[in-house]
Amino acid sequence: MHVHVQSQNGEAKFWLEPTIELSQHYNLSPREINAALRLVQEYENDIRNAWRKHFLG
C-alpha cells in the first residue's frame, strides 16, 4: 500500500506498510518532503480507506 504526493515542484511516493516511509521522490526539497510526510501521517486513515476502496472495491 502506497500513496503518491505531488506538488508544483515534484512528487514523492510513500509506503504505508509496514510503516509510513519515503520510497522515492523527484525534485522536492527536504522541507517539502517533510511537509508531505506530515500530511500522509495526519491523513493516514483516510488514505488507507480510499486505497482499499479504490483497489479492493
PDB file of N, CA and C in Angstrom:
ATOM      1  N   MET A   1       0.853  -1.161   0.000  1.00  0.00           N
ATOM      2  CA  MET A   1       0.000   0.000   0.000  1.00  0.00           C
ATOM      3  C   MET A   1       0.902   1.228   0.000  1.00  0.00           C
ATOM      4  N   HIS A   2       0.603   2.155  -0.903  1.00  0.00           N
ATOM      5  CA  HIS A   2       1.419   3.361  -1.005  1.00  0.00           C
ATOM      6  C   HIS A   2       0.556   4.526  -1.469  1.00  0.00           C
ATOM      7  N   VAL A   3       1.129   5.718  -1.383  1.00  0.00           N
ATOM      8  CA  VAL A   3       0.448   6.918  -1.837  1.00  0.00           C
ATOM      9  C   VAL A   3       1.461   7.820  -2.531  1.00  0.00           C
ATOM     10  N   HIS A   4       1.003   8.497  -3.587  1.00  0.00           N
ATOM     11  CA  HIS A   4       1.828   9.471  -4.293  1.00  0.00           C
ATOM     12  C   HIS A   4       1.395  10.864  -3.861  1.00  0.00           C
ATOM     13  N   VAL A   5       2.351  11.728  -3.638  1.00  0.00           N
ATOM     14  CA  VAL A   5       2.090  13.110  -3.257  1.00  0.00           C
ATOM     15  C   VAL A   5       2.743  13.997  -4.305  1.00  0.00           C
ATOM     16  N   GLN A   6       1.974  14.922  -4.853  1.00  0.00           N
ATOM     17  CA  GLN A   6       2.513  15.807  -5.884  1.00  0.00           C
ATOM     18  C   GLN A   6       2.424  17.262  -5.449  1.00  0.00           C
ATOM     19  N   SER A   7       3.387  18.044  -5.900  1.00  0.00           N
ATOM     20  CA  SER A   7       3.353  19.487  -5.737  1.00  0.00           C
ATOM     21  C   SER A   7       3.716  20.094  -7.073  1.00  0.00           C
ATOM     22  N   GLN A   8       3.723  21.388  -7.151  1.00  0.00           N
ATOM     23  CA  GLN A   8       4.089  22.017  -8.421  1.00  0.00           C
ATOM     24  C   GLN A   8       5.561  21.811  -8.744  1.00  0.00           C
ATOM     25  N   ASN A   9       6.367  21.448  -7.744  1.00  0.00           N
ATOM     26  CA  ASN A   9       7.795  21.265  -7.943  1.00  0.00           C
ATOM     27  C   ASN A   9       8.212  19.832  -8.237  1.00  0.00           C
ATOM     28  N   GLY A  10       7.432  18.862  -7.795  1.00  0.00           N
ATOM     29  CA  GLY A  10       7.835  17.474  -7.968  1.00  0.00           C
ATOM     30  C   GLY A  10       6.846  16.537  -7.309  1.00  0.00           C
ATOM     31  N   GLU A  11       7.326  15.350  -6.980  1.00  0.00           N
ATOM     32  CA  GLU A  11       6.446  14.357  -6.361  1.00  0.00           C
ATOM     33  C   GLU A  11       7.229  13.396  -5.490  1.00  0.00           C
ATOM     34  N   ALA A  12       6.482  12.686  -4.646  1.00  0.00           N
ATOM     35  CA  ALA A  12       7.075  11.688  -3.761  1.00  0.00           C
ATOM     36  C   ALA A  12       6.120  10.508  -3.654  1.00  0.00           C
ATOM     37  N   LYS A  13       6.683   9.362  -3.341  1.00  0.00           N
ATOM     38  CA  LYS A  13       5.902   8.147  -3.099  1.00  0.00           C
ATOM     39  C   LYS A  13       6.231   7.684  -1.694  1.00  0.00           C
ATOM     40  N   PHE A  14       5.194   7.405  -0.912  1.00  0.00           N
ATOM     41  CA  PHE A  14       5.360   6.914   0.455  1.00  0.00           C
ATOM     42  C   PHE A  14       4.720   5.548   0.588  1.00  0.00           C
ATOM     43  N   TRP A  15       5.463   4.610   1.150  1.00  0.00           N
ATOM     44  CA  TRP A  15       4.888   3.323   1.540  1.00  0.00           C
ATOM     45  C   TRP A  15       4.072   3.553   2.800  1.00  0.00           C
ATOM     46  N   LEU A  16       2.967   2.852   2.925  1.00  0.00           N
ATOM     47  CA  LEU A  16       2.144   2.944   4.124  1.00  0.00           C
ATOM     48  C   LEU A  16       2.320   1.732   5.028  1.00  0.00           C
ATOM     49  N   GLU A  17       2.875   0.672   4.493  1.00  0.00           N
ATOM     50  CA  GLU A  17       3.062  -0.551   5.277  1.00  0.00           C
ATOM     51  C   GLU A  17       4.464  -1.089   5.074  1.00  0.00           C
ATOM     52  N   PRO A  18       5.087  -1.620   6.077  1.00  0.00           N
ATOM     53  CA  PRO A  18       4.537  -1.817   7.423  1.00  0.00           C
ATOM     54  C   PRO A  18       4.455  -0.520   8.225  1.00  0.00           C
ATOM     55  N   THR A  19       5.239   0.486   7.857  1.00  0.00           N
ATOM     56  CA  THR A  19       5.136   1.811   8.464  1.00  0.00           C
ATOM     57  C   THR A  19       5.249   2.850   7.356  1.00  0.00           C
ATOM     58  N   ILE A  20       4.845   4.070   7.638  1.00  0.00           N
ATOM     59  CA  ILE A  20       4.952   5.136   6.651  1.00  0.00           C
ATOM     60  C   ILE A  20       6.423   5.446   6.431  1.00  0.00           C
ATOM     61  N   GLU A  21       6.838   5.371   5.168  1.00  0.00           N
ATOM     62  CA  GLU A  21       8.250   5.547   4.819  1.00  0.00           C
ATOM     63  C   GLU A  21       8.363   6.103   3.406  1.00  0.00           C
ATOM     64  N   LEU A  22       9.267   7.040   3.223  1.00  0.00           N
ATOM     65  CA  LEU A  22       9.513   7.594   1.894  1.00  0.00           C
ATOM     66  C   LEU A  22      10.112   6.517   1.004  1.00  0.00           C
ATOM     67  N   SER A  23       9.508   6.297  -0.147  1.00  0.00           N
ATOM     68  CA  SER A  23      10.011   5.325  -1.101  1.00  0.00           C
ATOM     69  C   SER A  23      10.946   5.999  -2.094  1.00  0.00           C
ATOM     70  N   GLN A  24      10.461   7.098  -2.664  1.00  0.00           N
ATOM     71  CA  GLN A  24      11.272   7.835  -3.630  1.00  0.00           C
ATOM     72  C   GLN A  24      10.695   9.233  -3.778  1.00  0.00           C
ATOM     73  N   HIS A  25      11.484  10.125  -4.323  1.00  0.00           N
ATOM     74  CA  HIS A  25      10.990  11.467  -4.593  1.00  0.00           C
ATOM     75  C   HIS A  25      11.720  12.036  -5.792  1.00  0.00           C
ATOM     76  N   TYR A  26      11.092  13.011  -6.396  1.00  0.00           N
ATOM     77  CA  TYR A  26      11.661  13.679  -7.553  1.00  0.00           C
ATOM     78  C   TYR A  26      11.502  15.180  -7.384  1.00  0.00           C
ATOM     79  N   ASN A  27      12.620  15.872  -7.328  1.00  0.00           N
ATOM     80  CA  ASN A  27      12.659  17.326  -7.372  1.00  0.00           C
ATOM     81  C   ASN A  27      11.953  18.009  -6.202  1.00  0.00           C
ATOM     82  N   LEU A  28      11.952  17.393  -5.020  1.00  0.00           N
ATOM     83  CA  LEU A  28      11.388  18.014  -3.833  1.00  0.00           C
ATOM     84  C   LEU A  28      12.506  18.323  -2.843  1.00  0.00           C
ATOM     85  N   SER A  29      12.376  19.450  -2.184  1.00  0.00           N
ATOM     86  CA  SER A  29      13.351  19.826  -1.160  1.00  0.00           C
ATOM     87  C   SER A  29      13.071  19.034   0.112  1.00  0.00           C
ATOM     88  N   PRO A  30      14.031  18.960   1.011  1.00  0.00           N
ATOM     89  CA  PRO A  30      13.782  18.299   2.299  1.00  0.00           C
ATOM     90  C   PRO A  30      12.578  18.889   3.032  1.00  0.00           C
ATOM     91  N   ARG A  31      12.388  20.182   2.941  1.00  0.00           N
ATOM     92  CA  ARG A  31      11.239  20.827   3.597  1.00  0.00           C
ATOM     93  C   ARG A  31       9.929  20.322   2.991  1.00  0.00           C
ATOM     94  N   GLU A  32       9.872  20.207   1.664  1.00  0.00           N
ATOM     95  CA  GLU A  32       8.663  19.714   1.010  1.00  0.00           C
ATOM     96  C   GLU A  32       8.405  18.249   1.330  1.00  0.00           C
ATOM     97  N   ILE A  33       9.456  17.457   1.399  1.00  0.00           N
ATOM     98  CA  ILE A  33       9.301  16.043   1.761  1.00  0.00           C
ATOM     99  C   ILE A  33       8.751  15.920   3.173  1.00  0.00           C
ATOM    100  N   ASN A  34       9.286  16.703   4.096  1.00  0.00           N
ATOM    101  CA  ASN A  34       8.794  16.661   5.480  1.00  0.00           C
ATOM    102  C   ASN A  34       7.341  17.112   5.571  1.00  0.00           C
ATOM    103  N   ALA A  35       6.970  18.124   4.803  1.00  0.00           N
ATOM    104  CA  ALA A  35       5.579  18.585   4.798  1.00  0.00           C
ATOM    105  C   ALA A  35       4.663  17.490   4.251  1.00  0.00           C
ATOM    106  N   ALA A  36       5.097  16.833   3.187  1.00  0.00           N
ATOM    107  CA  ALA A  36       4.305  15.736   2.619  1.00  0.00           C
ATOM    108  C   ALA A  36       4.176  14.592   3.615  1.00  0.00           C
ATOM    109  N   LEU A  37       5.261  14.255   4.283  1.00  0.00           N
ATOM    110  CA  LEU A  37       5.229  13.192   5.282  1.00  0.00           C
ATOM    111  C   LEU A  37       4.236  13.521   6.393  1.00  0.00           C
ATOM    112  N   ARG A  38       4.240  14.750   6.857  1.00  0.00           N
ATOM    113  CA  ARG A  38       3.293  15.154   7.901  1.00  0.00           C
ATOM    114  C   ARG A  38       1.848  15.011   7.422  1.00  0.00           C
ATOM    115  N   LEU A  39       1.591  15.368   6.165  1.00  0.00           N
ATOM    116  CA  LEU A  39       0.234  15.219   5.627  1.00  0.00           C
ATOM    117  C   LEU A  39      -0.176  13.753   5.535  1.00  0.00           C
ATOM    118  N   VAL A  40       0.732  12.921   5.072  1.00  0.00           N
ATOM    119  CA  VAL A  40       0.434  11.485   4.980  1.00  0.00           C
ATOM    120  C   VAL A  40       0.153  10.928   6.371  1.00  0.00           C
ATOM    121  N   GLN A  41       0.941  11.324   7.352  1.00  0.00           N
ATOM    122  CA  GLN A  41       0.727  10.849   8.721  1.00  0.00           C
ATOM    123  C   GLN A  41      -0.608  11.349   9.270  1.00  0.00           C
ATOM    124  N   GLU A  42      -0.926  12.607   9.002  1.00  0.00           N
ATOM    125  CA  GLU A  42      -2.160  13.194   9.514  1.00  0.00           C
ATOM    126  C   GLU A  42      -3.400  12.542   8.909  1.00  0.00           C
ATOM    127  N   TYR A  43      -3.327  12.202   7.630  1.00  0.00           N
ATOM    128  CA  TYR A  43      -4.483  11.646   6.926  1.00  0.00           C
ATOM    129  C   TYR A  43      -4.339  10.156   6.636  1.00  0.00           C
ATOM    130  N   GLU A  44      -3.516   9.478   7.406  1.00  0.00           N
ATOM    131  CA  GLU A  44      -3.235   8.067   7.162  1.00  0.00           C
ATOM    132  C   GLU A  44      -4.503   7.215   7.062  1.00  0.00           C
ATOM    133  N   ASN A  45      -5.407   7.363   7.996  1.00  0.00           N
ATOM    134  CA  ASN A  45      -6.619   6.532   7.971  1.00  0.00           C
ATOM    135  C   ASN A  45      -7.467   6.811   6.735  1.00  0.00           C
ATOM    136  N   ASP A  46      -7.617   8.075   6.360  1.00  0.00           N
ATOM    137  CA  ASP A  46      -8.377   8.421   5.168  1.00  0.00           C
ATOM    138  C   ASP A  46      -7.714   7.857   3.913  1.00  0.00           C
ATOM    139  N   ILE A  47      -6.389   7.949   3.846  1.00  0.00           N
ATOM    140  CA  ILE A  47      -5.649   7.433   2.694  1.00  0.00           C
ATOM    141  C   ILE A  47      -5.818   5.918   2.588  1.00  0.00           C
ATOM    142  N   ARG A  48      -5.679   5.230   3.713  1.00  0.00           N
ATOM    143  CA  ARG A  48      -5.835   3.771   3.716  1.00  0.00           C
ATOM    144  C   ARG A  48      -7.243   3.360   3.263  1.00  0.00           C
ATOM    145  N   ASN A  49      -8.251   4.056   3.776  1.00  0.00           N
ATOM    146  CA  ASN A  49      -9.638   3.739   3.399  1.00  0.00           C
ATOM    147  C   ASN A  49      -9.869   3.986   1.909  1.00  0.00           C
ATOM    148  N   ALA A  50      -9.360   5.094   1.391  1.00  0.00           N
ATOM    149  CA  ALA A  50      -9.509   5.394  -0.037  1.00  0.00           C
ATOM    150  C   ALA A  50      -8.759   4.377  -0.883  1.00  0.00           C
ATOM    151  N   TRP A  51      -7.589   3.970  -0.429  1.00  0.00           N
ATOM    152  CA  TRP A  51      -6.796   2.980  -1.169  1.00  0.00           C
ATOM    153  C   TRP A  51      -7.569   1.667  -1.251  1.00  0.00           C
ATOM    154  N   ARG A  52      -8.096   1.217  -0.119  1.00  0.00           N
ATOM    155  CA  ARG A  52      -8.853  -0.049  -0.098  1.00  0.00           C
ATOM    156  C   ARG A  52     -10.085   0.035  -0.990  1.00  0.00           C
ATOM    157  N   LYS A  53     -10.792   1.156  -0.910  1.00  0.00           N
ATOM    158  CA  LYS A  53     -11.994   1.323  -1.726  1.00  0.00           C
ATOM    159  C   LYS A  53     -11.651   1.299  -3.208  1.00  0.00           C
ATOM    160  N   HIS A  54     -10.581   1.955  -3.580  1.00  0.00           N
ATOM    161  CA  HIS A  54     -10.179   2.019  -4.991  1.00  0.00           C
ATOM    162  C   HIS A  54      -9.680   0.679  -5.523  1.00  0.00           C
ATOM    163  N   PHE A  55      -8.812   0.015  -4.747  1.00  0.00           N
ATOM    164  CA  PHE A  55      -8.171  -1.201  -5.261  1.00  0.00           C
ATOM    165  C   PHE A  55      -8.910  -2.486  -4.911  1.00  0.00           C
ATOM    166  N   LEU A  56      -9.703  -2.474  -3.859  1.00  0.00           N
ATOM    167  CA  LEU A  56     -10.376  -3.700  -3.447  1.00  0.00           C
ATOM    168  C   LEU A  56     -11.881  -3.639  -3.680  1.00  0.00           C
ATOM    169  N   GLY A  57     -12.363  -2.476  -4.086  1.00  0.00           N
ATOM    170  CA  GLY A  57     -13.778  -2.322  -4.414  1.00  0.00           C
ATOM    171  C   GLY A  57     -14.601  -2.220  -3.197  1.00  0.00           C
TER     172      GLY A  57
END
